[in-house]
Amino acid sequence: MNRHFKELIISTYDSQYDLINKKISDFEKIIARNDSSEIFHEMVFCILAAGTSAKLAETASEILKEDDFFIKANEREVVSKLKKCYRFYNVRGKYIVQTREFIVSEYGFNFKKLLNSFDNKISLRNYIATNKSFKGLGMKASSHFLRNIGHNSLAILDFHILDIMREYKLIRFSLKSLNMKRYLSIEKTLKDFSQEIKIDLARLDLILWYIKTGTVIK
């Protein structure tokens, strides 16, 4: 493994230790509070974050959060609200409402019931990612969602992370898209690296994101 890369990760973690661990603590508090509306809001953020900036997704999700609009509104109302602040308002508005209605019908909008349905978080992530009733939540977005509510064993393989993995020779090929098999293979590579440096995947993702963008959002 590239020695310089290890040193970069560790030095970045040291310099941004408080920021990164505050963010991780915030994630863990969400799952501890076990508020289904708050958990679904994180899912909404991850649906909106696909293919756009985290900042824009955060802004749009906060607008939808006002007065529990994302819980109460129908599809037309959600689309109309998103149209004012978000590029992909039609498809993502539809995804949000259809996913919400599935969770209501299948789990009574009880996220504890959903989250406790599997013995481990990898199986839970894979279920969410492959179940077509969860709209707009593939492998990356499902991993992102579970990390954002306090789970630390999943990799969020967005283009920033893949770029830096290529740059430092953790992977040696260019990717336009990831099927499930390839996602799991790259995730294992990153997990092996995280175990080697003794920094879990949730923190490692924030470190890599900071290296690439100079920010930590979520």
C-alpha atoms as a PDB file:
ATOM      1  CA  MET A   1       0.000   0.000   0.000  1.00  0.00           C
ATOM      2  CA  ASN A   2       1.231   3.510  -0.816  1.00  0.00           C
ATOM      3  CA  ARG A   3       3.038   4.829   2.260  1.00  0.00           C
ATOM      4  CA  HIS A   4       2.372   8.437   1.312  1.00  0.00           C
ATOM      5  CA  PHE A   5      -1.345   7.711   1.121  1.00  0.00           C
ATOM      6  CA  LYS A   6      -1.376   6.217   4.613  1.00  0.00           C
ATOM      7  CA  GLU A   7       0.496   9.224   5.954  1.00  0.00           C
ATOM      8  CA  LEU A   8      -1.939  11.567   4.206  1.00  0.00           C
ATOM      9  CA  ILE A   9      -4.945   9.791   5.731  1.00  0.00           C
ATOM     10  CA  ILE A  10      -3.504   9.780   9.232  1.00  0.00           C
ATOM     11  CA  SER A  11      -2.300  13.392   9.106  1.00  0.00           C
ATOM     12  CA  THR A  12      -5.673  14.560   7.775  1.00  0.00           C
ATOM     13  CA  TYR A  13      -7.492  12.655  10.496  1.00  0.00           C
ATOM     14  CA  ASP A  14      -5.214  14.193  13.124  1.00  0.00           C
ATOM     15  CA  SER A  15      -5.794  17.719  11.807  1.00  0.00           C
ATOM     16  CA  GLN A  16      -9.567  17.305  11.397  1.00  0.00           C
ATOM     17  CA  TYR A  17     -10.128  14.961  14.339  1.00  0.00           C
ATOM     18  CA  ASP A  18     -12.682  17.094  16.183  1.00  0.00           C
ATOM     19  CA  LEU A  19     -14.673  17.927  13.051  1.00  0.00           C
ATOM     20  CA  ILE A  20     -14.826  14.332  11.833  1.00  0.00           C
ATOM     21  CA  ASN A  21     -15.688  12.827  15.196  1.00  0.00           C
ATOM     22  CA  LYS A  22     -18.342  15.475  15.857  1.00  0.00           C
ATOM     23  CA  LYS A  23     -19.971  14.471  12.565  1.00  0.00           C
ATOM     24  CA  ILE A  24     -19.787  10.774  13.473  1.00  0.00           C
ATOM     25  CA  SER A  25     -21.283  11.547  16.893  1.00  0.00           C
ATOM     26  CA  ASP A  26     -24.145  13.423  15.202  1.00  0.00           C
ATOM     27  CA  PHE A  27     -24.828  10.384  13.008  1.00  0.00           C
ATOM     28  CA  GLU A  28     -24.837   8.020  15.983  1.00  0.00           C
ATOM     29  CA  LYS A  29     -27.273  10.228  17.884  1.00  0.00           C
ATOM     30  CA  ILE A  30     -29.814   9.839  15.078  1.00  0.00           C
ATOM     31  CA  ILE A  31     -30.025   6.069  15.441  1.00  0.00           C
ATOM     32  CA  ALA A  32     -30.006   6.401  19.234  1.00  0.00           C
ATOM     33  CA  ARG A  33     -33.015   8.755  19.163  1.00  0.00           C
ATOM     34  CA  ASN A  34     -34.902   6.283  16.945  1.00  0.00           C
ATOM     35  CA  ASP A  35     -37.177   8.946  15.474  1.00  0.00           C
ATOM     36  CA  SER A  36     -38.607   7.563  12.223  1.00  0.00           C
ATOM     37  CA  SER A  37     -39.220  11.028  10.777  1.00  0.00           C
ATOM     38  CA  GLU A  38     -35.616  12.051  11.428  1.00  0.00           C
ATOM     39  CA  ILE A  39     -34.323   8.797   9.955  1.00  0.00           C
ATOM     40  CA  PHE A  40     -36.497   9.179   6.868  1.00  0.00           C
ATOM     41  CA  HIS A  41     -35.205  12.721   6.455  1.00  0.00           C
ATOM     42  CA  GLU A  42     -31.699  11.253   6.114  1.00  0.00           C
ATOM     43  CA  MET A  43     -33.036   8.857   3.508  1.00  0.00           C
ATOM     44  CA  VAL A  44     -34.583  11.789   1.633  1.00  0.00           C
ATOM     45  CA  PHE A  45     -31.231  13.602   1.716  1.00  0.00           C
ATOM     46  CA  CYS A  46     -29.496  10.554   0.211  1.00  0.00           C
ATOM     47  CA  ILE A  47     -32.118  10.231  -2.538  1.00  0.00           C
ATOM     48  CA  LEU A  48     -31.572  13.897  -3.396  1.00  0.00           C
ATOM     49  CA  ALA A  49     -27.753  13.688  -3.183  1.00  0.00           C
ATOM     50  CA  ALA A  50     -27.400  11.181  -6.041  1.00  0.00           C
ATOM     51  CA  GLY A  51     -25.968  12.902  -9.100  1.00  0.00           C
ATOM     52  CA  THR A  52     -25.759  16.335  -7.498  1.00  0.00           C
ATOM     53  CA  SER A  53     -23.867  18.152  -4.761  1.00  0.00           C
ATOM     54  CA  ALA A  54     -24.278  17.257  -1.108  1.00  0.00           C
ATOM     55  CA  LYS A  55     -24.814  20.946  -0.354  1.00  0.00           C
ATOM     56  CA  LEU A  56     -27.718  21.245  -2.788  1.00  0.00           C
ATOM     57  CA  ALA A  57     -29.229  18.012  -1.469  1.00  0.00           C
ATOM     58  CA  GLU A  58     -28.917  19.292   2.094  1.00  0.00           C
ATOM     59  CA  THR A  59     -30.589  22.597   1.190  1.00  0.00           C
ATOM     60  CA  ALA A  60     -33.467  20.875  -0.649  1.00  0.00           C
ATOM     61  CA  SER A  61     -33.992  18.284   2.096  1.00  0.00           C
ATOM     62  CA  GLU A  62     -34.131  20.995   4.754  1.00  0.00           C
ATOM     63  CA  ILE A  63     -36.789  22.830   2.744  1.00  0.00           C
ATOM     64  CA  LEU A  64     -38.830  19.623   2.534  1.00  0.00           C
ATOM     65  CA  LYS A  65     -38.369  19.094   6.270  1.00  0.00           C
ATOM     66  CA  GLU A  66     -40.157  22.303   7.235  1.00  0.00           C
ATOM     67  CA  ASP A  67     -43.418  21.493   9.041  1.00  0.00           C
ATOM     68  CA  ASP A  68     -42.889  17.790   8.234  1.00  0.00           C
ATOM     69  CA  PHE A  69     -43.740  18.515   4.597  1.00  0.00           C
ATOM     70  CA  PHE A  70     -41.794  15.446   3.372  1.00  0.00           C
ATOM     71  CA  ILE A  71     -43.984  13.268   5.609  1.00  0.00           C
ATOM     72  CA  LYS A  72     -47.374  14.830   4.863  1.00  0.00           C
ATOM     73  CA  ALA A  73     -47.266  16.005   1.257  1.00  0.00           C
ATOM     74  CA  ASN A  74     -48.394  14.070  -1.793  1.00  0.00           C
ATOM     75  CA  GLU A  75     -46.254  13.567  -4.885  1.00  0.00           C
ATOM     76  CA  ARG A  76     -47.538  16.630  -6.720  1.00  0.00           C
ATOM     77  CA  GLU A  77     -46.847  18.828  -3.703  1.00  0.00           C
ATOM     78  CA  VAL A  78     -43.335  17.459  -3.175  1.00  0.00           C
ATOM     79  CA  VAL A  79     -42.475  17.907  -6.853  1.00  0.00           C
ATOM     80  CA  SER A  80     -43.813  21.463  -6.774  1.00  0.00           C
ATOM     81  CA  LYS A  81     -41.738  22.316  -3.712  1.00  0.00           C
ATOM     82  CA  LEU A  82     -38.573  20.782  -5.177  1.00  0.00           C
ATOM     83  CA  LYS A  83     -39.066  22.622  -8.463  1.00  0.00           C
ATOM     84  CA  LYS A  84     -38.164  25.843  -6.668  1.00  0.00           C
ATOM     85  CA  CYS A  85     -34.819  24.649  -5.361  1.00  0.00           C
ATOM     86  CA  TYR A  86     -33.678  21.437  -7.050  1.00  0.00           C
ATOM     87  CA  ARG A  87     -32.817  20.361 -10.590  1.00  0.00           C
ATOM     88  CA  PHE A  88     -34.258  16.822 -10.737  1.00  0.00           C
ATOM     89  CA  TYR A  89     -37.547  17.718  -9.072  1.00  0.00           C
ATOM     90  CA  ASN A  90     -39.853  15.388 -11.005  1.00  0.00           C
ATOM     91  CA  VAL A  91     -38.055  12.068 -10.661  1.00  0.00           C
ATOM     92  CA  ARG A  92     -36.675  12.620  -7.151  1.00  0.00           C
ATOM     93  CA  GLY A  93     -39.989  13.942  -5.869  1.00  0.00           C
ATOM     94  CA  LYS A  94     -41.617  10.786  -7.170  1.00  0.00           C
ATOM     95  CA  TYR A  95     -38.908   8.624  -5.572  1.00  0.00           C
ATOM     96  CA  ILE A  96     -39.345  10.268  -2.171  1.00  0.00           C
ATOM     97  CA  VAL A  97     -43.096   9.775  -2.037  1.00  0.00           C
ATOM     98  CA  GLN A  98     -43.084   6.237  -3.460  1.00  0.00           C
ATOM     99  CA  THR A  99     -40.369   5.156  -1.022  1.00  0.00           C
ATOM    100  CA  ARG A 100     -42.227   6.748   1.873  1.00  0.00           C
ATOM    101  CA  GLU A 101     -45.459   4.983   0.940  1.00  0.00           C
ATOM    102  CA  PHE A 102     -43.675   1.638   0.714  1.00  0.00           C
ATOM    103  CA  ILE A 103     -42.191   2.102   4.179  1.00  0.00           C
ATOM    104  CA  VAL A 104     -45.629   3.045   5.499  1.00  0.00           C
ATOM    105  CA  SER A 105     -47.314   0.010   3.935  1.00  0.00           C
ATOM    106  CA  GLU A 106     -44.553  -2.526   4.701  1.00  0.00           C
ATOM    107  CA  TYR A 107     -43.250  -1.303   8.060  1.00  0.00           C
ATOM    108  CA  GLY A 108     -45.928   1.058   9.378  1.00  0.00           C
ATOM    109  CA  PHE A 109     -43.345   3.846   8.974  1.00  0.00           C
ATOM    110  CA  ASN A 110     -41.432   2.214  11.820  1.00  0.00           C
ATOM    111  CA  PHE A 111     -37.761   2.412  10.915  1.00  0.00           C
ATOM    112  CA  LYS A 112     -36.748   0.352  13.929  1.00  0.00           C
ATOM    113  CA  LYS A 113     -38.683  -2.534  12.406  1.00  0.00           C
ATOM    114  CA  LEU A 114     -36.908  -2.069   9.081  1.00  0.00           C
ATOM    115  CA  LEU A 115     -33.435  -1.589  10.551  1.00  0.00           C
ATOM    116  CA  ASN A 116     -33.752  -4.624  12.833  1.00  0.00           C
ATOM    117  CA  SER A 117     -34.919  -6.908  10.029  1.00  0.00           C
ATOM    118  CA  PHE A 118     -31.367  -8.105   9.289  1.00  0.00           C
ATOM    119  CA  ASP A 119     -28.565  -9.494  11.430  1.00  0.00           C
ATOM    120  CA  ASN A 120     -25.921  -7.267   9.874  1.00  0.00           C
ATOM    121  CA  LYS A 121     -25.782  -3.906   8.149  1.00  0.00           C
ATOM    122  CA  ILE A 122     -24.287  -5.242   4.910  1.00  0.00           C
ATOM    123  CA  SER A 123     -27.338  -7.461   4.371  1.00  0.00           C
ATOM    124  CA  LEU A 124     -29.616  -4.548   5.270  1.00  0.00           C
ATOM    125  CA  ARG A 125     -27.804  -2.253   2.819  1.00  0.00           C
ATOM    126  CA  ASN A 126     -27.973  -4.836   0.057  1.00  0.00           C
ATOM    127  CA  TYR A 127     -31.703  -5.326   0.676  1.00  0.00           C
ATOM    128  CA  ILE A 128     -32.446  -1.607   0.440  1.00  0.00           C
ATOM    129  CA  ALA A 129     -30.221  -1.259  -2.633  1.00  0.00           C
ATOM    130  CA  THR A 130     -31.807  -4.140  -4.556  1.00  0.00           C
ATOM    131  CA  ASN A 131     -35.451  -3.789  -3.489  1.00  0.00           C
ATOM    132  CA  LYS A 132     -37.120  -1.791  -6.266  1.00  0.00           C
ATOM    133  CA  SER A 133     -39.645  -0.379  -3.804  1.00  0.00           C
ATOM    134  CA  PHE A 134     -36.848   1.788  -2.379  1.00  0.00           C
ATOM    135  CA  LYS A 135     -36.651   4.302  -5.211  1.00  0.00           C
ATOM    136  CA  GLY A 136     -33.384   6.088  -5.903  1.00  0.00           C
ATOM    137  CA  LEU A 137     -31.442   4.066  -3.339  1.00  0.00           C
ATOM    138  CA  GLY A 138     -28.784   1.951  -5.007  1.00  0.00           C
ATOM    139  CA  MET A 139     -25.621   0.657  -3.369  1.00  0.00           C
ATOM    140  CA  LYS A 140     -23.999   4.047  -2.893  1.00  0.00           C
ATOM    141  CA  ALA A 141     -27.102   5.881  -1.637  1.00  0.00           C
ATOM    142  CA  SER A 142     -28.103   3.011   0.672  1.00  0.00           C
ATOM    143  CA  SER A 143     -24.602   2.954   2.155  1.00  0.00           C
ATOM    144  CA  HIS A 144     -24.721   6.737   2.509  1.00  0.00           C
ATOM    145  CA  PHE A 145     -28.077   6.554   4.296  1.00  0.00           C
ATOM    146  CA  LEU A 146     -26.950   3.912   6.785  1.00  0.00           C
ATOM    147  CA  ARG A 147     -23.670   5.729   7.498  1.00  0.00           C
ATOM    148  CA  ASN A 148     -25.611   8.942   8.120  1.00  0.00           C
ATOM    149  CA  ILE A 149     -27.683   7.277  10.826  1.00  0.00           C
ATOM    150  CA  GLY A 150     -24.706   5.832  12.655  1.00  0.00           C
ATOM    151  CA  HIS A 151     -23.465   2.645  10.977  1.00  0.00           C
ATOM    152  CA  ASN A 152     -19.735   2.535  10.288  1.00  0.00           C
ATOM    153  CA  SER A 153     -19.086  -0.637   8.263  1.00  0.00           C
ATOM    154  CA  LEU A 154     -20.098   0.473   4.756  1.00  0.00           C
ATOM    155  CA  ALA A 155     -18.271   2.273   1.945  1.00  0.00           C
ATOM    156  CA  ILE A 156     -19.859   5.167   0.056  1.00  0.00           C
ATOM    157  CA  LEU A 157     -18.270   4.823  -3.365  1.00  0.00           C
ATOM    158  CA  ASP A 158     -19.039   8.139  -5.011  1.00  0.00           C
ATOM    159  CA  PHE A 159     -16.832   9.624  -7.717  1.00  0.00           C
ATOM    160  CA  HIS A 160     -14.697  11.586  -5.212  1.00  0.00           C
ATOM    161  CA  ILE A 161     -13.800   8.408  -3.337  1.00  0.00           C
ATOM    162  CA  LEU A 162     -13.203   6.401  -6.526  1.00  0.00           C
ATOM    163  CA  ASP A 163     -10.986   9.172  -7.925  1.00  0.00           C
ATOM    164  CA  ILE A 164      -8.751   9.218  -4.879  1.00  0.00           C
ATOM    165  CA  MET A 165      -8.628   5.399  -4.793  1.00  0.00           C
ATOM    166  CA  ARG A 166      -7.437   5.440  -8.408  1.00  0.00           C
ATOM    167  CA  GLU A 167      -4.976   8.246  -7.722  1.00  0.00           C
ATOM    168  CA  TYR A 168      -3.306   6.246  -4.954  1.00  0.00           C
ATOM    169  CA  LYS A 169      -3.511   2.888  -6.733  1.00  0.00           C
ATOM    170  CA  LEU A 170      -6.074   1.212  -4.472  1.00  0.00           C
ATOM    171  CA  ILE A 171      -7.931   0.492  -7.708  1.00  0.00           C
ATOM    172  CA  ARG A 172      -6.392   0.469 -11.166  1.00  0.00           C
ATOM    173  CA  PHE A 173      -9.251   0.991 -13.569  1.00  0.00           C
ATOM    174  CA  SER A 174     -11.687   3.698 -14.613  1.00  0.00           C
ATOM    175  CA  LEU A 175     -15.360   3.214 -13.774  1.00  0.00           C
ATOM    176  CA  LYS A 176     -18.375   4.733 -15.467  1.00  0.00           C
ATOM    177  CA  SER A 177     -20.809   2.710 -13.377  1.00  0.00           C
ATOM    178  CA  LEU A 178     -20.705   0.076 -10.654  1.00  0.00           C
ATOM    179  CA  ASN A 179     -22.751  -3.089 -10.614  1.00  0.00           C
ATOM    180  CA  MET A 180     -23.286  -4.785  -7.273  1.00  0.00           C
ATOM    181  CA  LYS A 181     -20.457  -7.301  -7.714  1.00  0.00           C
ATOM    182  CA  ARG A 182     -17.902  -4.622  -8.510  1.00  0.00           C
ATOM    183  CA  TYR A 183     -19.193  -2.348  -5.745  1.00  0.00           C
ATOM    184  CA  LEU A 184     -18.702  -5.107  -3.173  1.00  0.00           C
ATOM    185  CA  SER A 185     -15.225  -5.865  -4.513  1.00  0.00           C
ATOM    186  CA  ILE A 186     -14.086  -2.236  -4.228  1.00  0.00           C
ATOM    187  CA  GLU A 187     -15.766  -1.909  -0.844  1.00  0.00           C
ATOM    188  CA  LYS A 188     -13.690  -4.883   0.372  1.00  0.00           C
ATOM    189  CA  THR A 189     -10.519  -3.204  -0.871  1.00  0.00           C
ATOM    190  CA  LEU A 190     -11.364  -0.050   1.057  1.00  0.00           C
ATOM    191  CA  LYS A 191     -12.414  -2.036   4.122  1.00  0.00           C
ATOM    192  CA  ASP A 192      -9.126  -3.958   4.129  1.00  0.00           C
ATOM    193  CA  PHE A 193      -7.297  -0.634   3.985  1.00  0.00           C
ATOM    194  CA  SER A 194      -9.412   0.808   6.810  1.00  0.00           C
ATOM    195  CA  GLN A 195      -8.592  -2.183   8.993  1.00  0.00           C
ATOM    196  CA  GLU A 196      -4.912  -1.828   8.194  1.00  0.00           C
ATOM    197  CA  ILE A 197      -4.842   1.791   9.374  1.00  0.00           C
ATOM    198  CA  LYS A 198      -7.385   1.148  12.169  1.00  0.00           C
ATOM    199  CA  ILE A 199      -9.868   3.813  11.031  1.00  0.00           C
ATOM    200  CA  ASP A 200     -13.416   2.615  10.340  1.00  0.00           C
ATOM    201  CA  LEU A 201     -15.087   3.145   6.973  1.00  0.00           C
ATOM    202  CA  ALA A 202     -17.417   5.897   8.215  1.00  0.00           C
ATOM    203  CA  ARG A 203     -14.513   8.048   9.376  1.00  0.00           C
ATOM    204  CA  LEU A 204     -12.349   7.088   6.411  1.00  0.00           C
ATOM    205  CA  ASP A 205     -15.056   8.296   4.034  1.00  0.00           C
ATOM    206  CA  LEU A 206     -15.133  11.704   5.743  1.00  0.00           C
ATOM    207  CA  ILE A 207     -11.328  11.889   5.672  1.00  0.00           C
ATOM    208  CA  LEU A 208     -11.219  11.074   1.948  1.00  0.00           C
ATOM    209  CA  TRP A 209     -14.032  13.521   1.257  1.00  0.00           C
ATOM    210  CA  TYR A 210     -12.116  16.237   3.118  1.00  0.00           C
ATOM    211  CA  ILE A 211      -8.922  15.476   1.187  1.00  0.00           C
ATOM    212  CA  LYS A 212     -10.790  15.732  -2.106  1.00  0.00           C
ATOM    213  CA  THR A 213     -13.066  18.719  -1.371  1.00  0.00           C
ATOM    214  CA  GLY A 214     -11.719  20.495   1.708  1.00  0.00           C
ATOM    215  CA  THR A 215     -15.100  20.112   3.414  1.00  0.00           C
ATOM    216  CA  VAL A 216     -17.076  17.691   5.545  1.00  0.00           C
ATOM    217  CA  ILE A 217     -20.823  17.833   4.954  1.00  0.00           C
ATOM    218  CA  LYS A 218     -22.449  14.437   5.431  1.00  0.00           C
END
